[in-house]
Amino acid sequence: MEEEKLSRRGFACRLAQAAVGGSIAARTLAWAQGGADGVVVVDLQHEDFAALRKVGGGVKVEVEGRDWPVIVVRVNEEILAAYSSECTHWGCEVELPDELGIVRCPCHTSRFDWRGKLIDGQAQEDLHQVAVEIGTVSTAVADKSWGRIKKEQHKERMR
């Protein structure tokens, strides 16, 4: 296997990603369900998404099948915005919007608004948008054993 060679700048960028990404992940990372059509489904009843219950709230979520976490922000009472946390400049992981609604890249100071639109910095384009919808992410398991389920099915058939 060939070794990947990093420049000093590339190494510094990856180091910053690990430091910042790890500290953010420790307090804001949740799991969302990704649909086959690429839509991210968030369940506002789940405690991991509590920040999205109010306008301006945001979370960073891991989505199965995606290389980068997705940032989801409550724009208004009916609309959520979602975009990749990968900066379009050099691929560093951007932070959640701050109290002013600014999303910052820790590597080269690109700044985006709370909807992922480029404000300024070295990036040349907006953060990549991701389709999002509010729904129920079902991971519940029935409180019955397989044996009980089979017995109930048998009783139903015997009636």
N, C-alpha and C. Protein backbone atom coordinates (compact mmCIF):
# COMPACT_ATOMS: atom_id res chain seq x y z
N MET A 1 0.84 -1.18 0.00
CA MET A 1 0.00 0.00 0.00
C MET A 1 0.88 1.24 0.00
N GLU A 2 0.59 2.19 -0.87
CA GLU A 2 1.39 3.39 -1.00
C GLU A 2 1.06 4.39 0.09
N GLU A 3 2.11 4.98 0.68
CA GLU A 3 1.90 5.97 1.73
C GLU A 3 1.44 7.28 1.14
N GLU A 4 0.52 7.93 1.86
CA GLU A 4 0.06 9.25 1.44
C GLU A 4 1.04 10.28 1.96
N LYS A 5 1.48 11.19 1.08
CA LYS A 5 2.42 12.23 1.49
C LYS A 5 1.65 13.51 1.69
N LEU A 6 1.85 14.12 2.85
CA LEU A 6 1.17 15.36 3.19
C LEU A 6 2.17 16.51 3.24
N SER A 7 1.77 17.63 2.74
CA SER A 7 2.57 18.84 2.91
C SER A 7 2.39 19.32 4.35
N ARG A 8 3.19 20.28 4.77
CA ARG A 8 3.02 20.84 6.11
C ARG A 8 1.63 21.46 6.25
N ARG A 9 1.17 22.12 5.18
CA ARG A 9 -0.15 22.75 5.21
C ARG A 9 -1.25 21.69 5.33
N GLY A 10 -1.12 20.61 4.57
CA GLY A 10 -2.09 19.52 4.63
C GLY A 10 -2.11 18.87 6.01
N PHE A 11 -0.92 18.68 6.59
CA PHE A 11 -0.83 18.10 7.93
C PHE A 11 -1.49 19.02 8.94
N ALA A 12 -1.21 20.32 8.86
CA ALA A 12 -1.80 21.28 9.80
C ALA A 12 -3.32 21.29 9.68
N CYS A 13 -3.82 21.22 8.44
CA CYS A 13 -5.26 21.20 8.21
C CYS A 13 -5.89 19.96 8.84
N ARG A 14 -5.28 18.81 8.65
CA ARG A 14 -5.82 17.57 9.23
C ARG A 14 -5.76 17.61 10.76
N LEU A 15 -4.68 18.17 11.29
CA LEU A 15 -4.55 18.28 12.74
C LEU A 15 -5.64 19.18 13.31
N ALA A 16 -5.90 20.31 12.63
CA ALA A 16 -6.96 21.21 13.07
C ALA A 16 -8.33 20.53 12.98
N GLN A 17 -8.53 19.76 11.92
CA GLN A 17 -9.80 19.03 11.76
C GLN A 17 -10.02 18.08 12.94
N ALA A 18 -8.98 17.34 13.29
CA ALA A 18 -9.11 16.37 14.37
C ALA A 18 -9.39 17.06 15.70
N ALA A 19 -8.67 18.15 15.97
CA ALA A 19 -8.85 18.85 17.24
C ALA A 19 -10.22 19.49 17.34
N VAL A 20 -10.59 20.26 16.33
CA VAL A 20 -11.88 20.95 16.36
C VAL A 20 -13.02 19.97 16.21
N GLY A 21 -12.91 19.07 15.26
CA GLY A 21 -13.97 18.09 15.03
C GLY A 21 -14.21 17.23 16.26
N GLY A 22 -13.16 16.83 16.93
CA GLY A 22 -13.32 16.01 18.13
C GLY A 22 -14.00 16.74 19.26
N SER A 23 -13.65 18.01 19.46
CA SER A 23 -14.28 18.77 20.54
C SER A 23 -15.73 19.06 20.24
N ILE A 24 -16.07 19.32 18.99
CA ILE A 24 -17.46 19.55 18.62
C ILE A 24 -18.25 18.25 18.74
N ALA A 25 -17.66 17.17 18.26
CA ALA A 25 -18.36 15.89 18.26
C ALA A 25 -18.71 15.46 19.68
N ALA A 26 -17.85 15.79 20.63
CA ALA A 26 -18.09 15.37 21.99
C ALA A 26 -19.39 15.93 22.55
N ARG A 27 -19.86 17.07 22.04
CA ARG A 27 -21.05 17.66 22.62
C ARG A 27 -22.21 17.85 21.67
N THR A 28 -22.03 17.62 20.37
CA THR A 28 -23.13 17.92 19.46
C THR A 28 -23.43 16.84 18.44
N LEU A 29 -22.70 15.76 18.44
CA LEU A 29 -22.90 14.76 17.39
C LEU A 29 -24.10 13.88 17.71
N ALA A 30 -24.95 13.73 16.73
CA ALA A 30 -26.13 12.88 16.85
C ALA A 30 -26.17 11.99 15.61
N TRP A 31 -27.12 11.09 15.58
CA TRP A 31 -27.29 10.25 14.40
C TRP A 31 -28.61 10.58 13.75
N ALA A 32 -28.59 10.68 12.44
CA ALA A 32 -29.82 10.91 11.67
C ALA A 32 -29.95 9.77 10.68
N GLN A 33 -31.13 9.58 10.23
CA GLN A 33 -31.39 8.51 9.27
C GLN A 33 -31.29 9.08 7.87
N GLY A 34 -30.53 8.42 7.02
CA GLY A 34 -30.41 8.83 5.63
C GLY A 34 -31.28 7.95 4.76
N GLY A 35 -32.13 8.56 3.97
CA GLY A 35 -32.99 7.80 3.08
C GLY A 35 -32.24 7.39 1.83
N ALA A 36 -32.80 6.46 1.10
CA ALA A 36 -32.18 5.97 -0.13
C ALA A 36 -32.07 7.09 -1.16
N ASP A 37 -32.96 8.07 -1.08
CA ASP A 37 -32.94 9.17 -2.04
C ASP A 37 -32.02 10.31 -1.60
N GLY A 38 -31.24 10.10 -0.54
CA GLY A 38 -30.29 11.10 -0.09
C GLY A 38 -30.86 12.11 0.88
N VAL A 39 -32.13 11.99 1.24
CA VAL A 39 -32.76 12.91 2.17
C VAL A 39 -32.38 12.52 3.59
N VAL A 40 -31.98 13.49 4.40
CA VAL A 40 -31.67 13.26 5.81
C VAL A 40 -32.95 13.49 6.60
N VAL A 41 -33.32 12.53 7.43
CA VAL A 41 -34.53 12.63 8.23
C VAL A 41 -34.13 12.85 9.69
N VAL A 42 -34.64 13.95 10.29
CA VAL A 42 -34.37 14.22 11.70
C VAL A 42 -35.67 14.12 12.48
N ASP A 43 -35.58 13.55 13.66
CA ASP A 43 -36.73 13.36 14.54
C ASP A 43 -36.65 14.40 15.66
N LEU A 44 -37.49 15.42 15.59
CA LEU A 44 -37.45 16.50 16.57
C LEU A 44 -37.86 16.05 17.97
N GLN A 45 -38.48 14.90 18.08
CA GLN A 45 -38.86 14.39 19.40
C GLN A 45 -37.67 13.75 20.11
N HIS A 46 -36.64 13.39 19.34
CA HIS A 46 -35.45 12.76 19.92
C HIS A 46 -34.60 13.83 20.59
N GLU A 47 -34.07 13.53 21.75
CA GLU A 47 -33.32 14.52 22.53
C GLU A 47 -32.07 15.03 21.81
N ASP A 48 -31.47 14.20 20.94
CA ASP A 48 -30.28 14.64 20.20
C ASP A 48 -30.58 15.83 19.29
N PHE A 49 -31.85 16.02 18.94
CA PHE A 49 -32.23 17.10 18.03
C PHE A 49 -32.96 18.23 18.74
N ALA A 50 -32.87 18.28 20.06
CA ALA A 50 -33.58 19.29 20.85
C ALA A 50 -33.24 20.71 20.41
N ALA A 51 -32.00 20.96 19.99
CA ALA A 51 -31.60 22.31 19.56
C ALA A 51 -32.40 22.77 18.34
N LEU A 52 -32.91 21.83 17.55
CA LEU A 52 -33.66 22.18 16.35
C LEU A 52 -35.11 22.56 16.64
N ARG A 53 -35.52 22.49 17.88
CA ARG A 53 -36.89 22.85 18.23
C ARG A 53 -37.09 24.36 18.27
N LYS A 54 -35.97 25.12 18.32
CA LYS A 54 -36.10 26.57 18.32
C LYS A 54 -35.38 27.16 17.11
N VAL A 55 -35.89 28.27 16.63
CA VAL A 55 -35.30 28.95 15.47
C VAL A 55 -33.86 29.34 15.80
N GLY A 56 -32.95 29.06 14.88
CA GLY A 56 -31.53 29.36 15.07
C GLY A 56 -30.73 28.22 15.66
N GLY A 57 -31.41 27.19 16.17
CA GLY A 57 -30.71 26.05 16.75
C GLY A 57 -30.07 25.21 15.67
N GLY A 58 -28.97 24.57 15.99
CA GLY A 58 -28.28 23.74 15.02
C GLY A 58 -27.62 22.54 15.66
N VAL A 59 -27.46 21.48 14.88
CA VAL A 59 -26.77 20.28 15.32
C VAL A 59 -25.91 19.77 14.18
N LYS A 60 -24.90 19.02 14.54
CA LYS A 60 -24.07 18.33 13.55
C LYS A 60 -24.38 16.86 13.70
N VAL A 61 -24.77 16.22 12.61
CA VAL A 61 -25.20 14.82 12.69
C VAL A 61 -24.39 13.94 11.76
N GLU A 62 -24.12 12.74 12.23
CA GLU A 62 -23.52 11.70 11.41
C GLU A 62 -24.65 11.02 10.66
N VAL A 63 -24.47 10.80 9.38
CA VAL A 63 -25.48 10.14 8.57
C VAL A 63 -24.82 8.96 7.89
N GLU A 64 -25.43 7.80 8.07
CA GLU A 64 -24.89 6.59 7.45
C GLU A 64 -24.78 6.78 5.95
N GLY A 65 -23.62 6.42 5.41
CA GLY A 65 -23.41 6.54 3.97
C GLY A 65 -22.77 7.85 3.54
N ARG A 66 -22.58 8.77 4.49
CA ARG A 66 -21.94 10.06 4.16
C ARG A 66 -20.57 10.12 4.82
N ASP A 67 -19.61 10.67 4.09
CA ASP A 67 -18.25 10.79 4.62
C ASP A 67 -18.11 11.89 5.66
N TRP A 68 -18.92 12.93 5.55
CA TRP A 68 -18.83 14.09 6.44
C TRP A 68 -20.12 14.26 7.21
N PRO A 69 -20.04 14.73 8.46
CA PRO A 69 -21.27 15.05 9.18
C PRO A 69 -22.05 16.12 8.44
N VAL A 70 -23.34 16.17 8.69
CA VAL A 70 -24.23 17.16 8.08
C VAL A 70 -24.63 18.15 9.18
N ILE A 71 -24.59 19.43 8.86
CA ILE A 71 -25.05 20.45 9.79
C ILE A 71 -26.51 20.74 9.44
N VAL A 72 -27.37 20.68 10.45
CA VAL A 72 -28.79 20.98 10.27
C VAL A 72 -29.12 22.17 11.17
N VAL A 73 -29.77 23.18 10.59
CA VAL A 73 -30.10 24.42 11.31
C VAL A 73 -31.58 24.73 11.15
N ARG A 74 -32.23 25.16 12.22
CA ARG A 74 -33.64 25.58 12.16
C ARG A 74 -33.68 27.02 11.66
N VAL A 75 -34.19 27.22 10.43
CA VAL A 75 -34.25 28.54 9.79
C VAL A 75 -35.44 29.33 10.30
N ASN A 76 -36.62 28.70 10.33
CA ASN A 76 -37.81 29.30 10.90
C ASN A 76 -38.70 28.17 11.39
N GLU A 77 -39.93 28.47 11.76
CA GLU A 77 -40.81 27.44 12.33
C GLU A 77 -41.05 26.26 11.40
N GLU A 78 -41.00 26.47 10.08
CA GLU A 78 -41.29 25.39 9.14
C GLU A 78 -40.09 24.86 8.36
N ILE A 79 -38.97 25.57 8.37
CA ILE A 79 -37.87 25.22 7.48
C ILE A 79 -36.59 24.87 8.25
N LEU A 80 -35.97 23.76 7.81
CA LEU A 80 -34.64 23.38 8.26
C LEU A 80 -33.70 23.51 7.07
N ALA A 81 -32.49 23.96 7.31
CA ALA A 81 -31.45 23.98 6.28
C ALA A 81 -30.43 22.91 6.66
N ALA A 82 -29.90 22.22 5.67
CA ALA A 82 -28.89 21.20 5.94
C ALA A 82 -27.81 21.28 4.87
N TYR A 83 -26.56 21.14 5.31
CA TYR A 83 -25.44 21.19 4.38
C TYR A 83 -24.27 20.41 4.96
N SER A 84 -23.38 20.03 4.06
CA SER A 84 -22.20 19.26 4.46
C SER A 84 -21.31 20.11 5.34
N SER A 85 -20.64 19.47 6.29
CA SER A 85 -19.69 20.18 7.15
C SER A 85 -18.30 20.24 6.52
N GLU A 86 -18.17 19.76 5.28
CA GLU A 86 -16.89 19.81 4.58
C GLU A 86 -16.73 21.15 3.89
N CYS A 87 -15.70 21.92 4.27
CA CYS A 87 -15.44 23.21 3.63
C CYS A 87 -15.09 22.98 2.16
N THR A 88 -15.61 23.83 1.32
CA THR A 88 -15.40 23.70 -0.12
C THR A 88 -14.02 24.21 -0.55
N HIS A 89 -13.23 24.72 0.38
CA HIS A 89 -11.89 25.18 0.03
C HIS A 89 -10.91 24.01 0.04
N TRP A 90 -10.59 23.50 1.23
CA TRP A 90 -9.62 22.42 1.33
C TRP A 90 -10.16 21.19 2.04
N GLY A 91 -11.44 21.16 2.30
CA GLY A 91 -12.03 19.97 2.90
C GLY A 91 -11.90 19.86 4.40
N CYS A 92 -11.63 20.95 5.09
CA CYS A 92 -11.62 20.90 6.55
C CYS A 92 -13.07 20.86 7.05
N GLU A 93 -13.27 20.39 8.26
CA GLU A 93 -14.62 20.32 8.82
C GLU A 93 -14.98 21.64 9.48
N VAL A 94 -16.06 22.27 9.00
CA VAL A 94 -16.49 23.56 9.54
C VAL A 94 -17.22 23.35 10.86
N GLU A 95 -17.32 24.45 11.61
CA GLU A 95 -17.97 24.43 12.92
C GLU A 95 -19.47 24.69 12.76
N LEU A 96 -20.20 24.45 13.83
CA LEU A 96 -21.61 24.83 13.88
C LEU A 96 -21.72 26.35 13.85
N PRO A 97 -22.86 26.89 13.43
CA PRO A 97 -23.02 28.35 13.45
C PRO A 97 -22.84 28.88 14.88
N ASP A 98 -22.16 30.02 14.99
CA ASP A 98 -22.00 30.64 16.30
C ASP A 98 -23.25 31.44 16.67
N GLU A 99 -23.19 32.20 17.75
CA GLU A 99 -24.37 32.94 18.20
C GLU A 99 -24.81 34.02 17.21
N LEU A 100 -23.94 34.40 16.28
CA LEU A 100 -24.29 35.36 15.23
C LEU A 100 -24.73 34.68 13.94
N GLY A 101 -24.73 33.34 13.95
CA GLY A 101 -25.14 32.60 12.77
C GLY A 101 -24.04 32.39 11.75
N ILE A 102 -22.79 32.59 12.15
CA ILE A 102 -21.65 32.45 11.25
C ILE A 102 -21.03 31.06 11.40
N VAL A 103 -20.85 30.38 10.26
CA VAL A 103 -20.19 29.08 10.22
C VAL A 103 -18.75 29.35 9.79
N ARG A 104 -17.79 28.90 10.58
CA ARG A 104 -16.39 29.19 10.30
C ARG A 104 -15.60 27.92 10.01
N CYS A 105 -14.67 28.05 9.06
CA CYS A 105 -13.74 26.97 8.79
C CYS A 105 -12.48 27.26 9.61
N PRO A 106 -12.04 26.32 10.45
CA PRO A 106 -10.88 26.58 11.31
C PRO A 106 -9.55 26.58 10.56
N CYS A 107 -9.52 26.09 9.33
CA CYS A 107 -8.25 25.97 8.62
C CYS A 107 -7.81 27.25 7.91
N HIS A 108 -8.71 27.88 7.18
CA HIS A 108 -8.31 29.04 6.40
C HIS A 108 -9.31 30.19 6.49
N THR A 109 -10.07 30.21 7.56
CA THR A 109 -10.96 31.33 7.93
C THR A 109 -12.08 31.64 6.94
N SER A 110 -12.47 30.70 6.10
CA SER A 110 -13.66 30.95 5.28
C SER A 110 -14.85 31.04 6.21
N ARG A 111 -15.80 31.90 5.84
CA ARG A 111 -17.00 32.08 6.66
C ARG A 111 -18.24 31.91 5.78
N PHE A 112 -19.26 31.28 6.36
CA PHE A 112 -20.51 31.01 5.68
C PHE A 112 -21.64 31.47 6.58
N ASP A 113 -22.81 31.78 6.00
CA ASP A 113 -23.94 32.14 6.85
C ASP A 113 -24.59 30.87 7.38
N TRP A 114 -25.61 31.02 8.20
CA TRP A 114 -26.24 29.89 8.87
C TRP A 114 -26.97 28.96 7.92
N ARG A 115 -27.10 29.34 6.64
CA ARG A 115 -27.69 28.45 5.63
C ARG A 115 -26.61 27.81 4.76
N GLY A 116 -25.32 28.07 5.07
CA GLY A 116 -24.22 27.47 4.31
C GLY A 116 -23.77 28.29 3.12
N LYS A 117 -24.26 29.52 2.98
CA LYS A 117 -23.88 30.40 1.86
C LYS A 117 -22.56 31.10 2.19
N LEU A 118 -21.65 31.14 1.21
CA LEU A 118 -20.33 31.74 1.40
C LEU A 118 -20.44 33.24 1.68
N ILE A 119 -19.77 33.69 2.73
CA ILE A 119 -19.68 35.12 3.04
C ILE A 119 -18.35 35.66 2.54
N ASP A 120 -17.25 35.05 2.99
CA ASP A 120 -15.92 35.46 2.55
C ASP A 120 -14.90 34.40 2.92
N GLY A 121 -13.66 34.62 2.54
CA GLY A 121 -12.59 33.67 2.83
C GLY A 121 -12.08 33.03 1.56
N GLN A 122 -11.27 32.00 1.72
CA GLN A 122 -10.62 31.38 0.57
C GLN A 122 -11.51 30.40 -0.18
N ALA A 123 -12.59 29.94 0.43
CA ALA A 123 -13.52 29.06 -0.30
C ALA A 123 -14.13 29.85 -1.44
N GLN A 124 -14.47 29.18 -2.52
CA GLN A 124 -15.02 29.84 -3.70
C GLN A 124 -16.50 29.53 -3.92
N GLU A 125 -17.06 28.63 -3.10
CA GLU A 125 -18.46 28.27 -3.28
C GLU A 125 -19.11 27.97 -1.93
N ASP A 126 -20.44 27.91 -1.95
CA ASP A 126 -21.22 27.61 -0.76
C ASP A 126 -20.94 26.19 -0.30
N LEU A 127 -21.30 25.90 0.96
CA LEU A 127 -21.25 24.52 1.44
C LEU A 127 -22.32 23.73 0.70
N HIS A 128 -22.05 22.47 0.44
CA HIS A 128 -22.95 21.64 -0.35
C HIS A 128 -24.23 21.34 0.41
N GLN A 129 -25.36 21.71 -0.18
CA GLN A 129 -26.67 21.53 0.44
C GLN A 129 -27.06 20.05 0.48
N VAL A 130 -27.82 19.69 1.50
CA VAL A 130 -28.30 18.33 1.69
C VAL A 130 -29.80 18.42 1.94
N ALA A 131 -30.57 17.57 1.28
CA ALA A 131 -32.02 17.55 1.50
C ALA A 131 -32.30 17.04 2.91
N VAL A 132 -33.25 17.70 3.59
CA VAL A 132 -33.59 17.33 4.96
C VAL A 132 -35.10 17.40 5.14
N GLU A 133 -35.61 16.52 5.98
CA GLU A 133 -37.03 16.58 6.32
C GLU A 133 -37.22 16.16 7.76
N ILE A 134 -38.31 16.60 8.34
CA ILE A 134 -38.66 16.23 9.70
C ILE A 134 -39.49 14.96 9.63
N GLY A 135 -39.13 13.99 10.43
CA GLY A 135 -39.86 12.74 10.44
C GLY A 135 -39.55 11.99 11.71
N THR A 136 -39.90 10.74 11.73
CA THR A 136 -39.62 9.89 12.88
C THR A 136 -38.54 8.91 12.48
N VAL A 137 -37.47 8.92 13.25
CA VAL A 137 -36.39 7.97 13.04
C VAL A 137 -36.68 6.81 13.96
N SER A 138 -37.08 5.71 13.39
CA SER A 138 -37.53 4.57 14.18
C SER A 138 -36.39 3.60 14.44
N THR A 139 -36.04 3.49 15.72
CA THR A 139 -35.06 2.48 16.13
C THR A 139 -35.62 1.68 17.29
N ALA A 140 -36.92 1.82 17.54
CA ALA A 140 -37.54 1.15 18.67
C ALA A 140 -37.59 -0.36 18.46
N VAL A 141 -37.45 -1.09 19.53
CA VAL A 141 -37.53 -2.54 19.49
C VAL A 141 -38.74 -2.93 20.34
N ALA A 142 -39.54 -3.86 19.85
CA ALA A 142 -40.71 -4.30 20.60
C ALA A 142 -40.27 -4.90 21.93
N ASP A 143 -41.10 -4.69 22.95
CA ASP A 143 -40.76 -5.21 24.27
C ASP A 143 -41.21 -6.65 24.46
N LYS A 144 -41.43 -7.34 23.37
CA LYS A 144 -41.87 -8.73 23.43
C LYS A 144 -40.78 -9.62 22.83
N SER A 145 -40.67 -10.81 23.40
CA SER A 145 -39.72 -11.77 22.83
C SER A 145 -40.35 -12.42 21.60
N TRP A 146 -39.53 -13.05 20.80
CA TRP A 146 -40.03 -13.73 19.61
C TRP A 146 -41.02 -14.83 20.02
N GLY A 147 -40.76 -15.49 21.11
CA GLY A 147 -41.65 -16.54 21.59
C GLY A 147 -43.04 -16.00 21.92
N ARG A 148 -43.11 -14.84 22.58
CA ARG A 148 -44.40 -14.23 22.91
C ARG A 148 -45.14 -13.82 21.64
N ILE A 149 -44.43 -13.27 20.70
CA ILE A 149 -45.05 -12.86 19.44
C ILE A 149 -45.66 -14.08 18.74
N LYS A 150 -44.92 -15.18 18.68
CA LYS A 150 -45.42 -16.40 18.05
C LYS A 150 -46.65 -16.94 18.77
N LYS A 151 -46.64 -16.90 20.12
CA LYS A 151 -47.80 -17.36 20.89
C LYS A 151 -49.03 -16.51 20.57
N GLU A 152 -48.85 -15.19 20.52
CA GLU A 152 -49.97 -14.29 20.20
C GLU A 152 -50.50 -14.54 18.79
N GLN A 153 -49.60 -14.80 17.86
CA GLN A 153 -50.03 -15.09 16.50
C GLN A 153 -50.81 -16.41 16.48
N HIS A 154 -50.35 -17.39 17.23
CA HIS A 154 -51.04 -18.68 17.29
C HIS A 154 -52.44 -18.51 17.88
N LYS A 155 -52.55 -17.74 18.97
CA LYS A 155 -53.85 -17.50 19.60
C LYS A 155 -54.80 -16.83 18.62
N GLU A 156 -54.30 -15.87 17.84
CA GLU A 156 -55.13 -15.17 16.86
C GLU A 156 -55.66 -16.14 15.82
N ARG A 157 -54.84 -17.07 15.38
CA ARG A 157 -55.27 -18.02 14.37
C ARG A 157 -56.30 -19.02 14.91
N MET A 158 -56.22 -19.29 16.19
CA MET A 158 -57.11 -20.27 16.80
C MET A 158 -58.51 -19.69 17.06
N ARG A 159 -58.67 -18.43 17.00
CA ARG A 159 -59.97 -17.80 17.26
C ARG A 159 -60.91 -18.02 16.15
